[in-house]
Amino acid sequence: MKAIILAAGRGSRMKHLTDNKPKCLIELHGRPLLEHQLSALTEAGIEDIGIITGYKRELLAGRELHEFHNSRWAVTNMVSSLTYADEWLKNEPCIVSYSDIFYQSSAVIDLMQTPAKLAVVYDENWLEIWGKRFGDPLEDAETFRLDSESHLVEIGNKPKSFDEIQGQYMGLLLFTPEGWREVLRVRSEMSPDDRDCMHMTGTLQRIINAKRVRIRALPYHGSWGEVDSQSDLDVYNRSVFDDNVN
C-alpha cells in the first residue's frame, strides 16, 4: 500500500508562521509536522510515500518522496490537489493524509486492514481536544453521524448541538481504486468552479448521498491533533499529548 500527503496549500490561518514555509514544516515538539506523519506511515510499514506540493514546493524536496505538483494550488482545494496523484489512486489502495495533523501508526494500520472501499478514522473523544482548543467546542466542530454498521451518514456540516457529533473526522483516509472512481464520478457532475473549491468533507457527503459506495468510519483512541493556529501549537506542546506524539 502507498500513502499520499496533501501539502499543496499555504495554511493562511497560521498567518506569519507560513510566510516562508509550507504549513507542514511548522514544528511540533521540535520536529516538523511532516516528520510526524512520515514516522507514523513508515512505522505502519508503508514505504512508498507521495506528497502533493504547491506552495514553496522547493522546501519539500530532498526527502525521497514521490512528488505530485499542483501548479494551481492557490485557486484549488484539497480534492482537486488529490487528483494530481490519480496515477497512484486509480491503480492501488492509498492512505491519504492531511499535512497539518499528527497521529500514531495504529490509525494507519487500522485503515490498511479494513476491507472497505473508502474509509476514514475518527476520534470518539474529540471533545477533550476541542475543549482545549476553543472556548466553545461547537465553534469549529463539524457534524459526524454514523449508522448502526459504522458507516458515515453525515459529515462536515455545521452542528446545532453535540447530538449531531458522534466523533470528529481526523483528515486521514483510505481510498481503494473503487472508492477513488466514486470521487471522480461525483466530481464529474460538478461545474469546474465547484470542483475547484470543494472540500474533502463536502465530497464525502456527496458520495454518501449518491449511495453507491459506503464510507466506513473507524474509531481511533491514540494521540492526534490538527494544527490550524499558533494557539493549537501551544495546546499540543504543553498538554498530555507530550508522551505519545510520534
Protein backbone atom coordinates (compact mmCIF):
# COMPACT_ATOMS: atom_id res chain seq x y z
CA MET A 1 0.00 0.00 0.00
CA LYS A 2 1.08 3.56 -0.75
CA ALA A 3 0.45 6.84 1.08
CA ILE A 4 -0.13 10.38 -0.16
CA ILE A 5 0.34 13.51 1.95
CA LEU A 6 -1.65 16.57 0.91
CA ALA A 7 0.72 19.53 1.31
CA ALA A 8 -0.13 21.93 -1.52
CA GLY A 9 -1.75 24.77 0.43
CA ARG A 10 -0.14 27.59 2.36
CA GLY A 11 -2.13 27.38 5.59
CA SER A 12 -3.07 31.04 5.69
CA ARG A 13 -4.71 30.74 9.12
CA MET A 14 -1.23 30.25 10.55
CA LYS A 15 -0.51 33.85 9.45
CA HIS A 16 3.21 34.79 9.66
CA LEU A 17 4.24 31.22 10.56
CA THR A 18 3.78 30.20 6.92
CA ASP A 19 5.23 33.31 5.31
CA ASN A 20 8.41 31.45 4.38
CA LYS A 21 7.49 27.76 4.51
CA PRO A 22 4.58 25.35 3.94
CA LYS A 23 2.37 24.59 6.90
CA CYS A 24 3.64 21.02 7.13
CA LEU A 25 7.11 22.31 8.06
CA ILE A 26 5.88 24.10 11.18
CA GLU A 27 7.45 22.38 14.17
CA LEU A 28 5.64 20.50 16.91
CA HIS A 29 7.75 19.08 19.73
CA GLY A 30 10.89 20.08 17.88
CA ARG A 31 10.03 18.32 14.62
CA PRO A 32 8.13 19.45 11.51
CA LEU A 33 4.57 18.17 11.29
CA LEU A 34 5.59 16.36 8.11
CA GLU A 35 8.13 14.31 10.06
CA HIS A 36 5.42 13.19 12.49
CA GLN A 37 3.31 11.97 9.57
CA LEU A 38 6.21 10.21 7.89
CA SER A 39 7.09 8.46 11.15
CA ALA A 40 3.56 7.14 11.60
CA LEU A 41 3.32 5.96 7.99
CA THR A 42 6.68 4.20 7.92
CA GLU A 43 6.07 2.60 11.32
CA ALA A 44 2.88 1.15 9.83
CA GLY A 45 5.00 -0.45 7.10
CA ILE A 46 4.37 1.94 4.21
CA GLU A 47 7.46 2.50 2.09
CA ASP A 48 6.11 4.31 -0.97
CA ILE A 49 5.00 7.78 0.09
CA GLY A 50 4.00 10.59 -2.21
CA ILE A 51 3.48 14.26 -1.43
CA ILE A 52 1.30 16.73 -3.28
CA THR A 53 3.13 20.02 -3.34
CA GLY A 54 2.16 23.55 -4.25
CA TYR A 55 3.22 26.48 -2.08
CA LYS A 56 7.02 26.69 -1.76
CA ARG A 57 7.50 23.20 -3.19
CA GLU A 58 11.29 23.62 -3.21
CA LEU A 59 11.35 23.40 0.60
CA LEU A 60 9.82 19.91 0.44
CA ALA A 61 12.46 18.47 -1.89
CA GLY A 62 15.17 16.02 -0.87
CA ARG A 63 13.06 13.72 1.30
CA GLU A 64 12.88 10.71 -1.05
CA LEU A 65 9.16 11.29 -1.52
CA HIS A 66 7.36 10.98 -4.85
CA GLU A 67 6.23 14.49 -5.77
CA PHE A 68 2.91 15.31 -7.39
CA HIS A 69 2.87 19.06 -8.01
CA ASN A 70 -0.31 21.13 -8.12
CA SER A 71 0.68 24.27 -10.01
CA ARG A 72 -2.84 25.66 -9.38
CA TRP A 73 -2.58 25.30 -5.61
CA ALA A 74 -3.63 28.90 -4.93
CA VAL A 75 -7.02 28.50 -6.65
CA THR A 76 -7.88 24.88 -5.90
CA ASN A 77 -8.87 22.94 -2.83
CA MET A 78 -7.81 19.64 -1.33
CA VAL A 79 -9.71 17.21 -3.56
CA SER A 80 -8.51 18.94 -6.71
CA SER A 81 -4.96 18.62 -5.38
CA LEU A 82 -5.52 14.92 -4.84
CA THR A 83 -6.39 14.40 -8.49
CA TYR A 84 -2.73 15.10 -9.34
CA ALA A 85 -1.98 11.70 -7.75
CA ASP A 86 -4.53 9.94 -9.95
CA GLU A 87 -1.89 7.54 -11.35
CA TRP A 88 -1.49 6.03 -7.87
CA LEU A 89 -5.09 6.25 -6.69
CA LYS A 90 -6.64 4.57 -9.72
CA ASN A 91 -4.36 1.54 -9.53
CA GLU A 92 -3.97 0.57 -5.86
CA PRO A 93 -5.17 1.36 -2.34
CA CYS A 94 -3.67 4.53 -0.87
CA ILE A 95 -3.67 6.08 2.56
CA VAL A 96 -4.30 9.82 2.24
CA SER A 97 -3.17 12.17 5.00
CA TYR A 98 -3.64 15.86 5.53
CA SER A 99 -0.31 17.55 6.20
CA ASP A 100 -1.39 19.64 9.20
CA ILE A 101 -2.17 16.73 11.53
CA PHE A 102 -0.26 14.28 13.69
CA TYR A 103 -1.30 10.76 14.71
CA GLN A 104 0.10 7.38 15.65
CA SER A 105 0.80 4.43 13.37
CA SER A 106 -2.16 2.48 14.80
CA ALA A 107 -4.52 4.79 12.90
CA VAL A 108 -2.77 3.94 9.65
CA ILE A 109 -2.75 0.21 10.40
CA ASP A 110 -6.50 0.22 11.07
CA LEU A 111 -7.09 1.80 7.67
CA MET A 112 -4.76 -0.67 5.96
CA GLN A 113 -6.63 -3.62 7.44
CA THR A 114 -10.21 -2.59 6.68
CA PRO A 115 -11.93 -4.28 3.70
CA ALA A 116 -13.87 -1.08 2.94
CA LYS A 117 -13.61 0.63 -0.42
CA LEU A 118 -13.37 4.02 1.27
CA ALA A 119 -12.72 4.64 4.97
CA VAL A 120 -11.89 7.37 7.47
CA VAL A 121 -10.65 7.33 11.04
CA TYR A 122 -12.34 9.47 13.67
CA ASP A 123 -11.97 10.43 17.32
CA GLU A 124 -14.88 9.49 19.59
CA ASN A 125 -13.36 11.55 22.42
CA TRP A 126 -12.97 14.66 20.30
CA LEU A 127 -14.48 16.95 22.93
CA GLU A 128 -11.40 16.63 25.15
CA ILE A 129 -9.21 18.14 22.43
CA TRP A 130 -11.74 20.70 21.17
CA GLY A 131 -12.32 21.89 24.73
CA LYS A 132 -8.64 22.78 24.96
CA ARG A 133 -8.56 24.46 21.55
CA PHE A 134 -11.76 26.52 21.69
CA GLY A 135 -13.77 28.33 24.34
CA ASP A 136 -16.88 26.96 22.61
CA PRO A 137 -16.15 23.48 21.17
CA LEU A 138 -19.05 23.84 18.71
CA GLU A 139 -17.30 26.85 17.18
CA ASP A 140 -15.10 24.74 14.91
CA ALA A 141 -16.68 21.27 15.17
CA GLU A 142 -18.45 19.57 12.26
CA THR A 143 -21.26 17.05 12.12
CA PHE A 144 -20.29 13.40 12.08
CA ARG A 145 -23.05 10.81 12.23
CA LEU A 146 -22.94 7.05 11.71
CA ASP A 147 -25.44 4.30 11.00
CA SER A 148 -25.67 1.11 13.07
CA GLU A 149 -22.90 -0.52 10.99
CA SER A 150 -20.38 2.32 11.48
CA HIS A 151 -20.83 3.80 8.03
CA LEU A 152 -20.96 7.55 7.60
CA VAL A 153 -24.35 9.15 7.01
CA GLU A 154 -23.36 12.79 7.56
CA ILE A 155 -20.09 14.72 7.69
CA GLY A 156 -18.82 18.27 7.50
CA ASN A 157 -21.90 20.36 8.25
CA LYS A 158 -22.26 23.00 10.96
CA PRO A 159 -23.73 21.30 14.05
CA LYS A 160 -26.50 22.86 16.09
CA SER A 161 -25.87 20.60 19.08
CA PHE A 162 -23.47 17.96 20.37
CA ASP A 163 -26.06 15.31 19.44
CA GLU A 164 -25.01 15.69 15.81
CA ILE A 165 -21.38 14.81 16.56
CA GLN A 166 -20.51 11.17 17.22
CA GLY A 167 -16.84 11.93 16.64
CA GLN A 168 -14.52 14.16 14.68
CA TYR A 169 -13.04 13.38 11.30
CA MET A 170 -9.24 13.49 11.54
CA GLY A 171 -8.07 14.08 7.97
CA LEU A 172 -6.76 10.54 7.46
CA LEU A 173 -8.42 8.31 4.87
CA LEU A 174 -8.17 5.15 2.79
CA PHE A 175 -9.08 5.17 -0.90
CA THR A 176 -9.22 1.97 -2.90
CA PRO A 177 -9.41 2.30 -6.71
CA GLU A 178 -13.18 1.68 -6.43
CA GLY A 179 -13.54 4.43 -3.85
CA TRP A 180 -11.43 6.82 -5.91
CA ARG A 181 -13.55 6.19 -9.00
CA GLU A 182 -16.57 7.31 -7.00
CA VAL A 183 -14.76 10.55 -6.08
CA LEU A 184 -14.10 11.19 -9.76
CA ARG A 185 -17.70 10.33 -10.65
CA VAL A 186 -19.25 12.83 -8.22
CA ARG A 187 -16.73 15.46 -9.30
CA SER A 188 -17.65 14.93 -12.94
CA GLU A 189 -21.20 16.02 -12.11
CA MET A 190 -20.00 19.38 -10.77
CA SER A 191 -19.05 22.56 -12.61
CA PRO A 192 -15.31 23.31 -12.90
CA ASP A 193 -15.56 26.15 -10.38
CA ASP A 194 -17.43 23.98 -7.88
CA ARG A 195 -14.89 21.19 -8.30
CA ASP A 196 -12.01 23.54 -7.56
CA CYS A 197 -13.49 24.80 -4.31
CA MET A 198 -14.91 21.52 -2.98
CA HIS A 199 -13.60 20.45 0.43
CA MET A 200 -12.90 16.80 1.22
CA THR A 201 -15.82 16.52 3.64
CA GLY A 202 -18.17 18.00 1.04
CA THR A 203 -17.00 15.39 -1.45
CA LEU A 204 -17.51 12.62 1.08
CA GLN A 205 -21.04 13.87 1.75
CA ARG A 206 -21.81 13.77 -1.97
CA ILE A 207 -20.62 10.15 -2.04
CA ILE A 208 -22.85 9.36 0.92
CA ASN A 209 -25.83 10.97 -0.82
CA ALA A 210 -25.20 9.01 -4.02
CA LYS A 211 -25.47 5.69 -2.11
CA ARG A 212 -23.15 3.83 -4.45
CA VAL A 213 -20.14 3.42 -2.14
CA ARG A 214 -20.41 3.32 1.64
CA ILE A 215 -17.75 5.03 3.75
CA ARG A 216 -16.55 3.05 6.76
CA ALA A 217 -15.65 5.01 9.89
CA LEU A 218 -13.00 3.54 12.19
CA PRO A 219 -12.67 4.80 15.78
CA TYR A 220 -9.23 5.89 16.91
CA HIS A 221 -8.11 6.28 20.52
CA GLY A 222 -4.47 7.33 20.25
CA SER A 223 -2.86 10.76 20.35
CA TRP A 224 -3.58 13.07 17.46
CA GLY A 225 -4.32 16.67 16.64
CA GLU A 226 -4.80 19.17 13.83
CA VAL A 227 -2.86 22.41 13.74
CA ASP A 228 -4.77 25.43 12.49
CA SER A 229 -3.27 28.21 14.60
CA GLN A 230 -0.46 29.25 16.92
CA SER A 231 -2.78 28.56 19.84
CA ASP A 232 -3.14 24.96 18.64
CA LEU A 233 0.62 24.57 18.75
CA ASP A 234 0.65 25.96 22.26
CA VAL A 235 -2.03 23.47 23.35
CA TYR A 236 -0.24 20.44 21.93
CA ASN A 237 3.20 21.48 23.10
CA ARG A 238 2.16 21.77 26.74
CA SER A 239 -0.53 19.11 27.05
CA VAL A 240 -0.90 15.41 27.79
CA PHE A 241 -0.08 14.65 24.18
CA ASP A 242 3.60 15.10 25.05
CA ASP A 243 4.30 11.45 25.84
CA ASN A 244 2.52 10.00 22.85
CA VAL A 245 3.24 12.19 19.85
CA ASN A 246 5.33 10.39 17.23
